[in-house]
Amino acid sequence: MAHTQESDVSLAQRRELLTKALAYLPEKERAAVVLREIEGLETAEVAEILGSTPVTVRTQVSTGRARLREIVARLERRKA
């Protein structure tokens, strides 16, 4: 049971870090990442919502994910 509670705490901490990290992304990039990766919409749907093209959405998501990894790592170092 303790392992599950530890996992829940760790997951909650990761979510909090991700939420903070998302705030650092440019607006369109953040929207593309949230709609595609978190909400689970198809690339074409995200493109339509954002008034963009699927190619642009894929680029925004890819760039956004890379930036998020860097930002989360930076935030984790600050906590340590």
Protein backbone atom coordinates (compact mmCIF):
# COMPACT_ATOMS: atom_id res chain seq x y z
CA MET A 1 0.00 0.00 0.00
CA ALA A 2 2.84 2.43 0.81
CA HIS A 3 4.31 1.93 -2.65
CA THR A 4 1.02 3.05 -4.20
CA GLN A 5 0.92 6.15 -2.01
CA GLU A 6 4.52 6.97 -2.98
CA SER A 7 3.59 6.52 -6.64
CA ASP A 8 0.60 8.82 -6.19
CA VAL A 9 2.77 11.50 -4.58
CA SER A 10 5.38 11.18 -7.32
CA LEU A 11 2.69 11.41 -10.00
CA ALA A 12 1.19 14.47 -8.34
CA GLN A 13 4.64 16.09 -8.18
CA ARG A 14 5.26 15.35 -11.88
CA ARG A 15 1.88 16.84 -12.79
CA GLU A 16 2.65 19.96 -10.78
CA LEU A 17 6.03 20.31 -12.52
CA LEU A 18 4.43 19.80 -15.92
CA THR A 19 1.79 22.43 -15.19
CA LYS A 20 4.49 24.92 -14.17
CA ALA A 21 6.60 24.03 -17.22
CA LEU A 22 3.67 24.49 -19.62
CA ALA A 23 3.38 28.11 -18.49
CA TYR A 24 6.85 28.79 -19.95
CA LEU A 25 5.91 27.69 -23.47
CA PRO A 26 4.77 30.19 -26.11
CA GLU A 27 0.96 30.29 -26.33
CA LYS A 28 0.54 28.45 -29.67
CA GLU A 29 3.08 25.80 -28.71
CA ARG A 30 1.40 25.28 -25.35
CA ALA A 31 -2.02 25.00 -26.99
CA ALA A 32 -0.74 22.46 -29.53
CA VAL A 33 0.90 20.33 -26.81
CA VAL A 34 -2.14 20.43 -24.53
CA LEU A 35 -4.65 19.64 -27.28
CA ARG A 36 -2.55 16.90 -28.87
CA GLU A 37 -0.72 15.28 -25.96
CA ILE A 38 -3.03 15.89 -23.01
CA GLU A 39 -6.48 16.12 -24.58
CA GLY A 40 -5.60 13.44 -27.14
CA LEU A 41 -6.97 15.18 -30.22
CA GLU A 42 -5.75 14.20 -33.66
CA THR A 43 -3.21 16.46 -35.34
CA ALA A 44 -5.74 17.55 -37.99
CA GLU A 45 -8.24 18.50 -35.25
CA VAL A 46 -5.62 20.56 -33.43
CA ALA A 47 -4.67 22.28 -36.69
CA GLU A 48 -8.29 23.19 -37.34
CA ILE A 49 -8.78 24.54 -33.82
CA LEU A 50 -5.60 26.61 -33.99
CA GLY A 51 -6.16 27.76 -37.57
CA SER A 52 -2.94 26.11 -38.57
CA THR A 53 -1.66 23.22 -40.69
CA PRO A 54 -0.94 19.67 -39.52
CA VAL A 55 2.76 20.18 -40.34
CA THR A 56 2.89 23.27 -38.12
CA VAL A 57 1.10 21.43 -35.29
CA ARG A 58 3.55 18.52 -35.48
CA THR A 59 6.45 20.99 -35.33
CA GLN A 60 4.90 22.87 -32.40
CA VAL A 61 4.26 19.65 -30.49
CA SER A 62 7.76 18.33 -31.15
CA THR A 63 9.41 21.61 -30.16
CA GLY A 64 7.09 21.99 -27.18
CA ARG A 65 7.88 18.51 -25.87
CA ALA A 66 11.63 19.15 -26.16
CA ARG A 67 11.28 22.47 -24.35
CA LEU A 68 9.12 20.87 -21.66
CA ARG A 69 11.80 18.25 -20.98
CA GLU A 70 14.39 21.03 -20.56
CA ILE A 71 12.11 23.16 -18.39
CA VAL A 72 11.09 20.25 -16.16
CA ALA A 73 14.75 19.27 -15.71
CA ARG A 74 15.60 22.87 -14.78
CA LEU A 75 12.70 23.04 -12.29
CA GLU A 76 13.73 19.70 -10.76
CA ARG A 77 17.31 20.97 -10.29
CA ARG A 78 15.96 24.05 -8.50
CA LYS A 79 13.99 21.83 -6.10
CA ALA A 80 17.02 19.69 -5.26
